Amino acid sequence: MAAAIIQADGIVAFPTETVYGLGANARSPRAVAKIYEAKGRPTFNPLIAHVSGIEEAFQYGEFSNQARWIAERFWPGPLTLIVPAREGICELARAGLDSVGLRVPASATARALIKASGCPLAAPSANRSGHVSPVTAAHVLADLDGRIDMVLEGGASTVGVESTILSMLETVPRLLRAGGTTLEALEAQLGVRIATGPHAGESIIAPGQLTSHYAPQASIRLDATALERDEIGLDFAGQLAKSAKMGHRIMDLSPQGDLTEAAANLFSYLRALDEAKRQIAVAPIPHYGLGAAINDRLHRAAAKR
């Protein structure tokens, strides 16, 4: 049943050895948007994609020899590797970035769910944003009952803290989040000192960092009520379409005004409009629910660079 829910773009809380994760099809923007909605997550942070094995991870990320070495020695386990992305994990799960966080959980239940679902699972911790991470099914229900489709019982998480996040985007690996795999164990295997802290001048590339996201090359005008000459439109609920003239290009995040649909379309529509290399006018979007996250993303995209 849990796999069927995932395949239908639903969301299922499931056990891992670290904490319980809130899982959805990492290939589906609409499914991933439901994660943000359920958690009340304020911004589109990149999500870790959980896969059933190392070979599957290699399908979704570019692994250097060093990254493969680490993966083969620490997976399955509480370690997430940030690597350049291949095709497959949707942009919303990656927060529009060209990198992807991948993990093979040690939990047999988690890996069985991934295999049965036939897709990688985007899965942050299964709690409301800002609340304590859950290590039992009861913790999940206390936070998310009525907001998700199912909780898969798997007993208490054995590790009890989130996975360690290690970026493999530079020659020297960089620790972005301490977690269930120790720095000492990683350095012992690599035989080198691991850098710590965020990449210099880089936006967020993993959970637990300050947020900044992919920004189009084109300039962006927010809260537009009509299109100006030579602009293209990112609409919501048909607001810009009402005054559009012949030749104006408009993409509507959600003609019905559905914020979940709008969140699912956000990154792909921005990229598509950016190809026109013209100023993008963005219709007003409500600030409640997922609208807060959409507006946060758009304000960062519109900031002077």
C-alpha atoms as a PDB file:
ATOM      1  CA  MET A   1       0.000   0.000   0.000  1.00  0.00           C
ATOM      2  CA  ALA A   2       2.806   2.430   0.868  1.00  0.00           C
ATOM      3  CA  ALA A   3       4.448   1.899  -2.531  1.00  0.00           C
ATOM      4  CA  ALA A   4       1.116   2.447  -4.302  1.00  0.00           C
ATOM      5  CA  ILE A   5       0.711   5.771  -2.496  1.00  0.00           C
ATOM      6  CA  ILE A   6       4.203   6.858  -3.585  1.00  0.00           C
ATOM      7  CA  GLN A   7       3.460   5.840  -7.177  1.00  0.00           C
ATOM      8  CA  ALA A   8       0.310   7.970  -7.080  1.00  0.00           C
ATOM      9  CA  ASP A   9       2.347  11.055  -6.011  1.00  0.00           C
ATOM     10  CA  GLY A  10       1.333  10.694  -2.361  1.00  0.00           C
ATOM     11  CA  ILE A  11       3.608  11.112   0.664  1.00  0.00           C
ATOM     12  CA  VAL A  12       4.534   8.398   3.152  1.00  0.00           C
ATOM     13  CA  ALA A  13       6.544   8.654   6.357  1.00  0.00           C
ATOM     14  CA  PHE A  14       8.950   5.741   6.612  1.00  0.00           C
ATOM     15  CA  PRO A  15      11.683   4.555   8.985  1.00  0.00           C
ATOM     16  CA  THR A  16      15.394   4.907   8.373  1.00  0.00           C
ATOM     17  CA  GLU A  17      18.243   4.206  10.756  1.00  0.00           C
ATOM     18  CA  THR A  18      18.729   7.966  11.285  1.00  0.00           C
ATOM     19  CA  VAL A  19      15.221   9.408  11.763  1.00  0.00           C
ATOM     20  CA  TYR A  20      11.858   8.857  10.089  1.00  0.00           C
ATOM     21  CA  GLY A  21      11.729  10.418   6.632  1.00  0.00           C
ATOM     22  CA  LEU A  22       8.798  11.988   4.800  1.00  0.00           C
ATOM     23  CA  GLY A  23       9.047  10.364   1.400  1.00  0.00           C
ATOM     24  CA  ALA A  24       7.717  11.188  -2.053  1.00  0.00           C
ATOM     25  CA  ASN A  25       8.712  10.358  -5.615  1.00  0.00           C
ATOM     26  CA  ALA A  26      11.886  12.393  -6.185  1.00  0.00           C
ATOM     27  CA  ARG A  27      11.191  12.441  -9.921  1.00  0.00           C
ATOM     28  CA  SER A  28       7.813  14.175  -9.516  1.00  0.00           C
ATOM     29  CA  PRO A  29       7.682  17.931  -8.800  1.00  0.00           C
ATOM     30  CA  ARG A  30       4.048  17.680  -7.661  1.00  0.00           C
ATOM     31  CA  ALA A  31       4.850  14.915  -5.202  1.00  0.00           C
ATOM     32  CA  VAL A  32       7.841  16.838  -3.835  1.00  0.00           C
ATOM     33  CA  ALA A  33       5.713  19.972  -3.454  1.00  0.00           C
ATOM     34  CA  LYS A  34       3.443  17.996  -1.138  1.00  0.00           C
ATOM     35  CA  ILE A  35       6.413  17.400   1.182  1.00  0.00           C
ATOM     36  CA  TYR A  36       6.953  21.148   1.583  1.00  0.00           C
ATOM     37  CA  GLU A  37       3.241  21.659   2.126  1.00  0.00           C
ATOM     38  CA  ALA A  38       2.960  18.949   4.781  1.00  0.00           C
ATOM     39  CA  LYS A  39       6.028  20.141   6.670  1.00  0.00           C
ATOM     40  CA  GLY A  40       5.145  23.816   6.435  1.00  0.00           C
ATOM     41  CA  ARG A  41       8.698  24.250   5.181  1.00  0.00           C
ATOM     42  CA  PRO A  42       9.360  27.966   4.680  1.00  0.00           C
ATOM     43  CA  THR A  43      11.795  27.689   1.758  1.00  0.00           C
ATOM     44  CA  PHE A  44      12.653  25.262  -1.016  1.00  0.00           C
ATOM     45  CA  ASN A  45      15.738  23.700   0.514  1.00  0.00           C
ATOM     46  CA  PRO A  46      17.264  20.890  -1.529  1.00  0.00           C
ATOM     47  CA  LEU A  47      16.091  17.465  -0.383  1.00  0.00           C
ATOM     48  CA  ILE A  48      18.109  14.267  -0.074  1.00  0.00           C
ATOM     49  CA  ALA A  49      17.157  11.564  -2.566  1.00  0.00           C
ATOM     50  CA  HIS A  50      17.137   8.113  -0.969  1.00  0.00           C
ATOM     51  CA  VAL A  51      17.933   5.192  -3.269  1.00  0.00           C
ATOM     52  CA  SER A  52      17.979   1.435  -2.786  1.00  0.00           C
ATOM     53  CA  GLY A  53      21.629   0.791  -3.652  1.00  0.00           C
ATOM     54  CA  ILE A  54      24.934   2.172  -4.900  1.00  0.00           C
ATOM     55  CA  GLU A  55      24.338   1.350  -8.549  1.00  0.00           C
ATOM     56  CA  GLU A  56      21.042   3.235  -8.438  1.00  0.00           C
ATOM     57  CA  ALA A  57      22.829   6.234  -6.914  1.00  0.00           C
ATOM     58  CA  PHE A  58      25.258   6.221  -9.844  1.00  0.00           C
ATOM     59  CA  GLN A  59      22.275   6.704 -12.190  1.00  0.00           C
ATOM     60  CA  TYR A  60      21.369  10.031 -10.579  1.00  0.00           C
ATOM     61  CA  GLY A  61      24.770  11.550  -9.779  1.00  0.00           C
ATOM     62  CA  GLU A  62      28.256  11.937 -11.254  1.00  0.00           C
ATOM     63  CA  PHE A  63      30.607  10.117  -8.893  1.00  0.00           C
ATOM     64  CA  SER A  64      34.335  10.772  -8.987  1.00  0.00           C
ATOM     65  CA  ASN A  65      36.684   7.947  -8.038  1.00  0.00           C
ATOM     66  CA  GLN A  66      36.926   9.480  -4.574  1.00  0.00           C
ATOM     67  CA  ALA A  67      33.134   9.686  -4.225  1.00  0.00           C
ATOM     68  CA  ARG A  68      32.791   6.052  -5.332  1.00  0.00           C
ATOM     69  CA  TRP A  69      35.400   5.029  -2.773  1.00  0.00           C
ATOM     70  CA  ILE A  70      33.434   6.659   0.023  1.00  0.00           C
ATOM     71  CA  ALA A  71      30.081   5.317  -1.207  1.00  0.00           C
ATOM     72  CA  GLU A  72      31.360   1.760  -1.388  1.00  0.00           C
ATOM     73  CA  ARG A  73      32.665   1.911   2.181  1.00  0.00           C
ATOM     74  CA  PHE A  74      29.859   3.774   3.951  1.00  0.00           C
ATOM     75  CA  TRP A  75      26.680   2.775   2.115  1.00  0.00           C
ATOM     76  CA  PRO A  76      24.185   1.617   3.187  1.00  0.00           C
ATOM     77  CA  GLY A  77      24.436   3.974   6.133  1.00  0.00           C
ATOM     78  CA  PRO A  78      23.880   7.434   7.618  1.00  0.00           C
ATOM     79  CA  LEU A  79      25.897   9.374   5.023  1.00  0.00           C
ATOM     80  CA  THR A  80      24.650  11.702   2.277  1.00  0.00           C
ATOM     81  CA  LEU A  81      26.961  12.572  -0.615  1.00  0.00           C
ATOM     82  CA  ILE A  82      26.537  15.779  -2.627  1.00  0.00           C
ATOM     83  CA  VAL A  83      27.639  15.211  -6.224  1.00  0.00           C
ATOM     84  CA  PRO A  84      26.958  16.761  -9.649  1.00  0.00           C
ATOM     85  CA  ALA A  85      23.469  15.775 -10.761  1.00  0.00           C
ATOM     86  CA  ARG A  86      22.559  13.572 -13.673  1.00  0.00           C
ATOM     87  CA  GLU A  87      19.027  13.515 -15.097  1.00  0.00           C
ATOM     88  CA  GLY A  88      16.235  12.041 -13.023  1.00  0.00           C
ATOM     89  CA  ILE A  89      15.829  13.857  -9.699  1.00  0.00           C
ATOM     90  CA  CYS A  90      13.406  16.720 -10.320  1.00  0.00           C
ATOM     91  CA  GLU A  91      14.500  20.336 -10.012  1.00  0.00           C
ATOM     92  CA  LEU A  92      12.168  21.047  -7.117  1.00  0.00           C
ATOM     93  CA  ALA A  93      13.840  18.306  -5.057  1.00  0.00           C
ATOM     94  CA  ARG A  94      17.237  19.770  -6.007  1.00  0.00           C
ATOM     95  CA  ALA A  95      16.053  23.352  -5.353  1.00  0.00           C
ATOM     96  CA  GLY A  96      17.057  24.195  -8.922  1.00  0.00           C
ATOM     97  CA  LEU A  97      20.704  23.289  -8.341  1.00  0.00           C
ATOM     98  CA  ASP A  98      23.037  21.319 -10.591  1.00  0.00           C
ATOM     99  CA  SER A  99      24.063  19.101  -7.676  1.00  0.00           C
ATOM    100  CA  VAL A 100      22.126  16.386  -5.863  1.00  0.00           C
ATOM    101  CA  GLY A 101      22.262  14.828  -2.401  1.00  0.00           C
ATOM    102  CA  LEU A 102      22.077  11.020  -2.473  1.00  0.00           C
ATOM    103  CA  ARG A 103      21.909   8.405   0.279  1.00  0.00           C
ATOM    104  CA  VAL A 104      21.453   4.636   0.560  1.00  0.00           C
ATOM    105  CA  PRO A 105      19.745   4.070   3.937  1.00  0.00           C
ATOM    106  CA  ALA A 106      20.773   1.112   6.071  1.00  0.00           C
ATOM    107  CA  SER A 107      17.159   0.410   7.058  1.00  0.00           C
ATOM    108  CA  ALA A 108      15.939  -2.695   5.238  1.00  0.00           C
ATOM    109  CA  THR A 109      12.370  -1.356   5.455  1.00  0.00           C
ATOM    110  CA  ALA A 110      13.379   1.890   3.781  1.00  0.00           C
ATOM    111  CA  ARG A 111      15.232   0.126   0.961  1.00  0.00           C
ATOM    112  CA  ALA A 112      12.309  -2.260   0.441  1.00  0.00           C
ATOM    113  CA  LEU A 113       9.930   0.697   0.098  1.00  0.00           C
ATOM    114  CA  ILE A 114      12.206   2.376  -2.434  1.00  0.00           C
ATOM    115  CA  LYS A 115      12.440  -0.812  -4.502  1.00  0.00           C
ATOM    116  CA  ALA A 116       8.697  -1.460  -4.348  1.00  0.00           C
ATOM    117  CA  SER A 117       7.947   2.146  -5.328  1.00  0.00           C
ATOM    118  CA  GLY A 118      10.267   1.952  -8.322  1.00  0.00           C
ATOM    119  CA  CYS A 119      11.670   5.435  -7.770  1.00  0.00           C
ATOM    120  CA  PRO A 120      14.084   7.358  -5.539  1.00  0.00           C
ATOM    121  CA  LEU A 121      12.447   8.982  -2.523  1.00  0.00           C
ATOM    122  CA  ALA A 122      12.979  12.623  -1.645  1.00  0.00           C
ATOM    123  CA  ALA A 123      12.765  12.499   2.123  1.00  0.00           C
ATOM    124  CA  PRO A 124      13.470  15.175   4.721  1.00  0.00           C
ATOM    125  CA  SER A 125      12.701  14.354   8.346  1.00  0.00           C
ATOM    126  CA  ALA A 126       9.006  13.567   8.929  1.00  0.00           C
ATOM    127  CA  ASN A 127       8.154  16.479  11.202  1.00  0.00           C
ATOM    128  CA  ARG A 128       6.736  19.979  10.957  1.00  0.00           C
ATOM    129  CA  SER A 129       9.392  22.489   9.975  1.00  0.00           C
ATOM    130  CA  GLY A 130      11.306  23.670  13.033  1.00  0.00           C
ATOM    131  CA  HIS A 131      10.135  20.808  15.246  1.00  0.00           C
ATOM    132  CA  VAL A 132      12.265  18.023  16.703  1.00  0.00           C
ATOM    133  CA  SER A 133      13.072  15.232  14.253  1.00  0.00           C
ATOM    134  CA  PRO A 134      11.042  12.031  14.794  1.00  0.00           C
ATOM    135  CA  VAL A 135      12.598   8.681  15.713  1.00  0.00           C
ATOM    136  CA  THR A 136       9.339   6.698  16.094  1.00  0.00           C
ATOM    137  CA  ALA A 137       6.099   6.427  14.149  1.00  0.00           C
ATOM    138  CA  ALA A 138       4.299   7.975  17.131  1.00  0.00           C
ATOM    139  CA  HIS A 139       6.506  11.067  16.853  1.00  0.00           C
ATOM    140  CA  VAL A 140       5.509  11.394  13.196  1.00  0.00           C
ATOM    141  CA  LEU A 141       1.807  11.154  13.961  1.00  0.00           C
ATOM    142  CA  ALA A 142       2.085  13.696  16.749  1.00  0.00           C
ATOM    143  CA  ASP A 143       3.388  16.216  14.215  1.00  0.00           C
ATOM    144  CA  LEU A 144       1.822  15.260  10.892  1.00  0.00           C
ATOM    145  CA  ASP A 145      -1.370  13.278  11.533  1.00  0.00           C
ATOM    146  CA  GLY A 146      -3.926  14.353   8.932  1.00  0.00           C
ATOM    147  CA  ARG A 147      -1.286  16.045   6.760  1.00  0.00           C
ATOM    148  CA  ILE A 148       0.241  12.949   5.131  1.00  0.00           C
ATOM    149  CA  ASP A 149      -1.111   9.792   3.503  1.00  0.00           C
ATOM    150  CA  MET A 150       0.512   7.077   5.609  1.00  0.00           C
ATOM    151  CA  VAL A 151       3.111   6.239   8.245  1.00  0.00           C
ATOM    152  CA  LEU A 152       5.050   3.029   7.701  1.00  0.00           C
ATOM    153  CA  GLU A 153       5.868   1.521  11.121  1.00  0.00           C
ATOM    154  CA  GLY A 154       9.437   0.324  11.529  1.00  0.00           C
ATOM    155  CA  GLY A 155      10.272   0.627  15.190  1.00  0.00           C
ATOM    156  CA  ALA A 156      12.586   3.211  16.708  1.00  0.00           C
ATOM    157  CA  SER A 157      15.420   4.630  14.622  1.00  0.00           C
ATOM    158  CA  THR A 158      18.725   3.201  15.829  1.00  0.00           C
ATOM    159  CA  VAL A 159      20.998   6.154  15.027  1.00  0.00           C
ATOM    160  CA  GLY A 160      18.606   8.898  16.094  1.00  0.00           C
ATOM    161  CA  VAL A 161      20.324  11.845  14.362  1.00  0.00           C
ATOM    162  CA  GLU A 162      20.260  12.841  10.719  1.00  0.00           C
ATOM    163  CA  SER A 163      22.819  11.649   8.192  1.00  0.00           C
ATOM    164  CA  THR A 164      26.198  13.267   7.820  1.00  0.00           C
ATOM    165  CA  ILE A 165      26.339  15.363   4.634  1.00  0.00           C
ATOM    166  CA  LEU A 166      29.604  15.347   2.693  1.00  0.00           C
ATOM    167  CA  SER A 167      30.070  17.453  -0.431  1.00  0.00           C
ATOM    168  CA  MET A 168      32.167  15.851  -3.160  1.00  0.00           C
ATOM    169  CA  LEU A 169      32.030  18.886  -5.465  1.00  0.00           C
ATOM    170  CA  GLU A 170      35.631  19.946  -4.877  1.00  0.00           C
ATOM    171  CA  THR A 171      38.968  18.148  -4.883  1.00  0.00           C
ATOM    172  CA  VAL A 172      38.881  18.131  -1.085  1.00  0.00           C
ATOM    173  CA  PRO A 173      35.644  16.715   0.389  1.00  0.00           C
ATOM    174  CA  ARG A 174      33.718  19.162   2.577  1.00  0.00           C
ATOM    175  CA  LEU A 175      31.606  18.374   5.643  1.00  0.00           C
ATOM    176  CA  LEU A 176      28.334  20.303   5.420  1.00  0.00           C
ATOM    177  CA  ARG A 177      26.470  18.638   8.292  1.00  0.00           C
ATOM    178  CA  ALA A 178      27.682  16.421  11.106  1.00  0.00           C
ATOM    179  CA  GLY A 179      25.546  13.373  11.639  1.00  0.00           C
ATOM    180  CA  GLY A 180      25.444   9.622  11.986  1.00  0.00           C
ATOM    181  CA  THR A 181      28.798   8.998  10.272  1.00  0.00           C
ATOM    182  CA  THR A 182      31.729  10.537  12.114  1.00  0.00           C
ATOM    183  CA  LEU A 183      34.262  12.905  10.596  1.00  0.00           C
ATOM    184  CA  GLU A 184      37.019  10.732  12.025  1.00  0.00           C
ATOM    185  CA  ALA A 185      35.731   7.634  10.252  1.00  0.00           C
ATOM    186  CA  LEU A 186      35.519   9.476   6.953  1.00  0.00           C
ATOM    187  CA  GLU A 187      39.013  10.934   7.264  1.00  0.00           C
ATOM    188  CA  ALA A 188      40.417   7.547   8.214  1.00  0.00           C
ATOM    189  CA  GLN A 189      39.077   6.033   4.989  1.00  0.00           C
ATOM    190  CA  LEU A 190      40.054   8.943   2.764  1.00  0.00           C
ATOM    191  CA  GLY A 191      43.463   9.487   4.282  1.00  0.00           C
ATOM    192  CA  VAL A 192      43.034  13.270   3.998  1.00  0.00           C
ATOM    193  CA  ARG A 193      41.700  16.084   6.150  1.00  0.00           C
ATOM    194  CA  ILE A 194      38.136  17.014   5.272  1.00  0.00           C
ATOM    195  CA  ALA A 195      37.202  20.675   4.946  1.00  0.00           C
ATOM    196  CA  THR A 196      34.293  21.924   7.032  1.00  0.00           C
ATOM    197  CA  GLY A 197      31.603  24.557   6.575  1.00  0.00           C
ATOM    198  CA  PRO A 198      29.866  25.827   3.433  1.00  0.00           C
ATOM    199  CA  HIS A 199      31.585  26.340   0.097  1.00  0.00           C
ATOM    200  CA  ALA A 200      32.939  29.863  -0.257  1.00  0.00           C
ATOM    201  CA  GLY A 201      30.413  32.147  -1.921  1.00  0.00           C
ATOM    202  CA  GLU A 202      28.045  29.272  -2.664  1.00  0.00           C
ATOM    203  CA  SER A 203      24.326  29.027  -2.133  1.00  0.00           C
ATOM    204  CA  ILE A 204      22.752  26.258  -0.087  1.00  0.00           C
ATOM    205  CA  ILE A 205      23.462  22.825  -1.565  1.00  0.00           C
ATOM    206  CA  ALA A 206      22.195  20.665   1.290  1.00  0.00           C
ATOM    207  CA  PRO A 207      19.682  20.709   4.163  1.00  0.00           C
ATOM    208  CA  GLY A 208      20.698  22.701   7.218  1.00  0.00           C
ATOM    209  CA  GLN A 209      22.322  25.665   5.473  1.00  0.00           C
ATOM    210  CA  LEU A 210      21.196  29.229   4.772  1.00  0.00           C
ATOM    211  CA  THR A 211      18.959  29.393   1.749  1.00  0.00           C
ATOM    212  CA  SER A 212      19.699  30.742  -1.705  1.00  0.00           C
ATOM    213  CA  HIS A 213      18.684  29.212  -5.000  1.00  0.00           C
ATOM    214  CA  TYR A 214      19.147  29.098  -8.745  1.00  0.00           C
ATOM    215  CA  ALA A 215      18.522  32.528 -10.241  1.00  0.00           C
ATOM    216  CA  PRO A 216      17.662  33.154 -13.893  1.00  0.00           C
ATOM    217  CA  GLN A 217      19.947  35.255 -16.069  1.00  0.00           C
ATOM    218  CA  ALA A 218      17.001  37.468 -16.974  1.00  0.00           C
ATOM    219  CA  SER A 219      15.843  40.211 -14.624  1.00  0.00           C
ATOM    220  CA  ILE A 220      12.610  39.640 -12.713  1.00  0.00           C
ATOM    221  CA  ARG A 221       9.833  42.107 -11.857  1.00  0.00           C
ATOM    222  CA  LEU A 222       7.668  40.917  -8.983  1.00  0.00           C
ATOM    223  CA  ASP A 223       3.997  41.561  -8.183  1.00  0.00           C
ATOM    224  CA  ALA A 224       3.252  42.606 -11.756  1.00  0.00           C
ATOM    225  CA  THR A 225      -0.396  43.277 -12.577  1.00  0.00           C
ATOM    226  CA  ALA A 226       0.171  43.721 -16.319  1.00  0.00           C
ATOM    227  CA  LEU A 227       2.892  42.947 -18.839  1.00  0.00           C
ATOM    228  CA  GLU A 228       5.051  45.774 -20.120  1.00  0.00           C
ATOM    229  CA  ARG A 229       6.432  45.885 -23.619  1.00  0.00           C
ATOM    230  CA  ASP A 230       8.967  43.118 -24.366  1.00  0.00           C
ATOM    231  CA  GLU A 231       8.284  41.315 -21.076  1.00  0.00           C
ATOM    232  CA  ILE A 232       7.283  37.686 -20.704  1.00  0.00           C
ATOM    233  CA  GLY A 233       5.006  36.575 -17.922  1.00  0.00           C
ATOM    234  CA  LEU A 234       5.088  34.094 -15.070  1.00  0.00           C
ATOM    235  CA  ASP A 235       1.432  34.075 -14.161  1.00  0.00           C
ATOM    236  CA  PHE A 236      -0.681  32.724 -11.310  1.00  0.00           C
ATOM    237  CA  ALA A 237      -4.414  32.105 -11.655  1.00  0.00           C
ATOM    238  CA  GLY A 238      -4.610  34.029 -14.930  1.00  0.00           C
ATOM    239  CA  GLN A 239      -3.891  37.465 -13.490  1.00  0.00           C
ATOM    240  CA  LEU A 240      -1.497  38.590 -16.241  1.00  0.00           C
ATOM    241  CA  ALA A 241      -3.452  36.890 -19.000  1.00  0.00           C
ATOM    242  CA  LYS A 242      -6.308  39.332 -18.505  1.00  0.00           C
ATOM    243  CA  SER A 243      -4.276  42.245 -19.898  1.00  0.00           C
ATOM    244  CA  ALA A 244      -1.935  40.340 -22.219  1.00  0.00           C
ATOM    245  CA  LYS A 245      -1.706  41.432 -25.852  1.00  0.00           C
ATOM    246  CA  MET A 246      -1.009  39.475 -28.989  1.00  0.00           C
ATOM    247  CA  GLY A 247       2.553  38.143 -28.953  1.00  0.00           C
ATOM    248  CA  HIS A 248       2.985  38.199 -25.180  1.00  0.00           C
ATOM    249  CA  ARG A 249       4.366  34.906 -23.882  1.00  0.00           C
ATOM    250  CA  ILE A 250       2.913  33.721 -20.572  1.00  0.00           C
ATOM    251  CA  MET A 251       3.359  30.577 -18.523  1.00  0.00           C
ATOM    252  CA  ASP A 252       0.841  30.141 -15.700  1.00  0.00           C
ATOM    253  CA  LEU A 253       2.143  28.364 -12.591  1.00  0.00           C
ATOM    254  CA  SER A 254      -1.418  27.293 -11.822  1.00  0.00           C
ATOM    255  CA  PRO A 255      -4.423  28.543 -13.805  1.00  0.00           C
ATOM    256  CA  GLN A 256      -6.664  27.282 -10.955  1.00  0.00           C
ATOM    257  CA  GLY A 257      -4.699  29.122  -8.265  1.00  0.00           C
ATOM    258  CA  ASP A 258      -3.415  25.888  -6.667  1.00  0.00           C
ATOM    259  CA  LEU A 259      -0.265  26.672  -4.684  1.00  0.00           C
ATOM    260  CA  THR A 260       0.864  23.033  -4.675  1.00  0.00           C
ATOM    261  CA  GLU A 261       0.718  22.964  -8.466  1.00  0.00           C
ATOM    262  CA  ALA A 262       2.486  26.337  -8.608  1.00  0.00           C
ATOM    263  CA  ALA A 263       5.329  25.087  -6.431  1.00  0.00           C
ATOM    264  CA  ALA A 264       5.693  21.987  -8.574  1.00  0.00           C
ATOM    265  CA  ASN A 265       6.012  24.098 -11.739  1.00  0.00           C
ATOM    266  CA  LEU A 266       8.174  26.916 -10.386  1.00  0.00           C
ATOM    267  CA  PHE A 267      11.714  25.855 -11.279  1.00  0.00           C
ATOM    268  CA  SER A 268      10.937  24.343 -14.674  1.00  0.00           C
ATOM    269  CA  TYR A 269       8.879  27.374 -15.734  1.00  0.00           C
ATOM    270  CA  LEU A 270      11.569  29.820 -14.648  1.00  0.00           C
ATOM    271  CA  ARG A 271      14.160  27.950 -16.670  1.00  0.00           C
ATOM    272  CA  ALA A 272      11.893  27.795 -19.711  1.00  0.00           C
ATOM    273  CA  LEU A 273      11.177  31.543 -19.569  1.00  0.00           C
ATOM    274  CA  ASP A 274      14.836  32.349 -18.975  1.00  0.00           C
ATOM    275  CA  GLU A 275      15.698  30.916 -22.381  1.00  0.00           C
ATOM    276  CA  ALA A 276      13.905  33.884 -23.988  1.00  0.00           C
ATOM    277  CA  LYS A 277      16.446  36.285 -22.412  1.00  0.00           C
ATOM    278  CA  ARG A 278      13.766  38.882 -21.706  1.00  0.00           C
ATOM    279  CA  GLN A 279      12.596  40.436 -18.459  1.00  0.00           C
ATOM    280  CA  ILE A 280      10.197  38.182 -16.582  1.00  0.00           C
ATOM    281  CA  ALA A 281       7.131  39.767 -14.994  1.00  0.00           C
ATOM    282  CA  VAL A 282       5.717  37.708 -12.131  1.00  0.00           C
ATOM    283  CA  ALA A 283       2.105  37.957 -11.034  1.00  0.00           C
ATOM    284  CA  PRO A 284       1.294  38.419  -7.326  1.00  0.00           C
ATOM    285  CA  ILE A 285       1.249  35.111  -5.437  1.00  0.00           C
ATOM    286  CA  PRO A 286      -0.426  34.662  -2.043  1.00  0.00           C
ATOM    287  CA  HIS A 287       1.931  34.537   0.931  1.00  0.00           C
ATOM    288  CA  TYR A 288       0.166  31.766   2.860  1.00  0.00           C
ATOM    289  CA  GLY A 289       0.957  28.052   2.733  1.00  0.00           C
ATOM    290  CA  LEU A 290       3.356  27.125  -0.061  1.00  0.00           C
ATOM    291  CA  GLY A 291       2.947  30.667  -1.354  1.00  0.00           C
ATOM    292  CA  ALA A 292       5.403  31.813   1.320  1.00  0.00           C
ATOM    293  CA  ALA A 293       8.047  29.451  -0.048  1.00  0.00           C
ATOM    294  CA  ILE A 294       7.314  30.436  -3.648  1.00  0.00           C
ATOM    295  CA  ASN A 295       7.627  34.126  -2.796  1.00  0.00           C
ATOM    296  CA  ASP A 296      10.836  33.524  -0.867  1.00  0.00           C
ATOM    297  CA  ARG A 297      12.305  31.760  -3.904  1.00  0.00           C
ATOM    298  CA  LEU A 298      11.168  34.494  -6.302  1.00  0.00           C
ATOM    299  CA  HIS A 299      12.542  37.322  -4.149  1.00  0.00           C
ATOM    300  CA  ARG A 300      15.938  35.626  -4.072  1.00  0.00           C
ATOM    301  CA  ALA A 301      15.811  35.094  -7.821  1.00  0.00           C
ATOM    302  CA  ALA A 302      14.942  38.773  -8.325  1.00  0.00           C
ATOM    303  CA  ALA A 303      17.687  40.119  -6.056  1.00  0.00           C
ATOM    304  CA  LYS A 304      20.414  42.194  -7.646  1.00  0.00           C
ATOM    305  CA  ARG A 305      23.440  40.109  -8.602  1.00  0.00           C
END
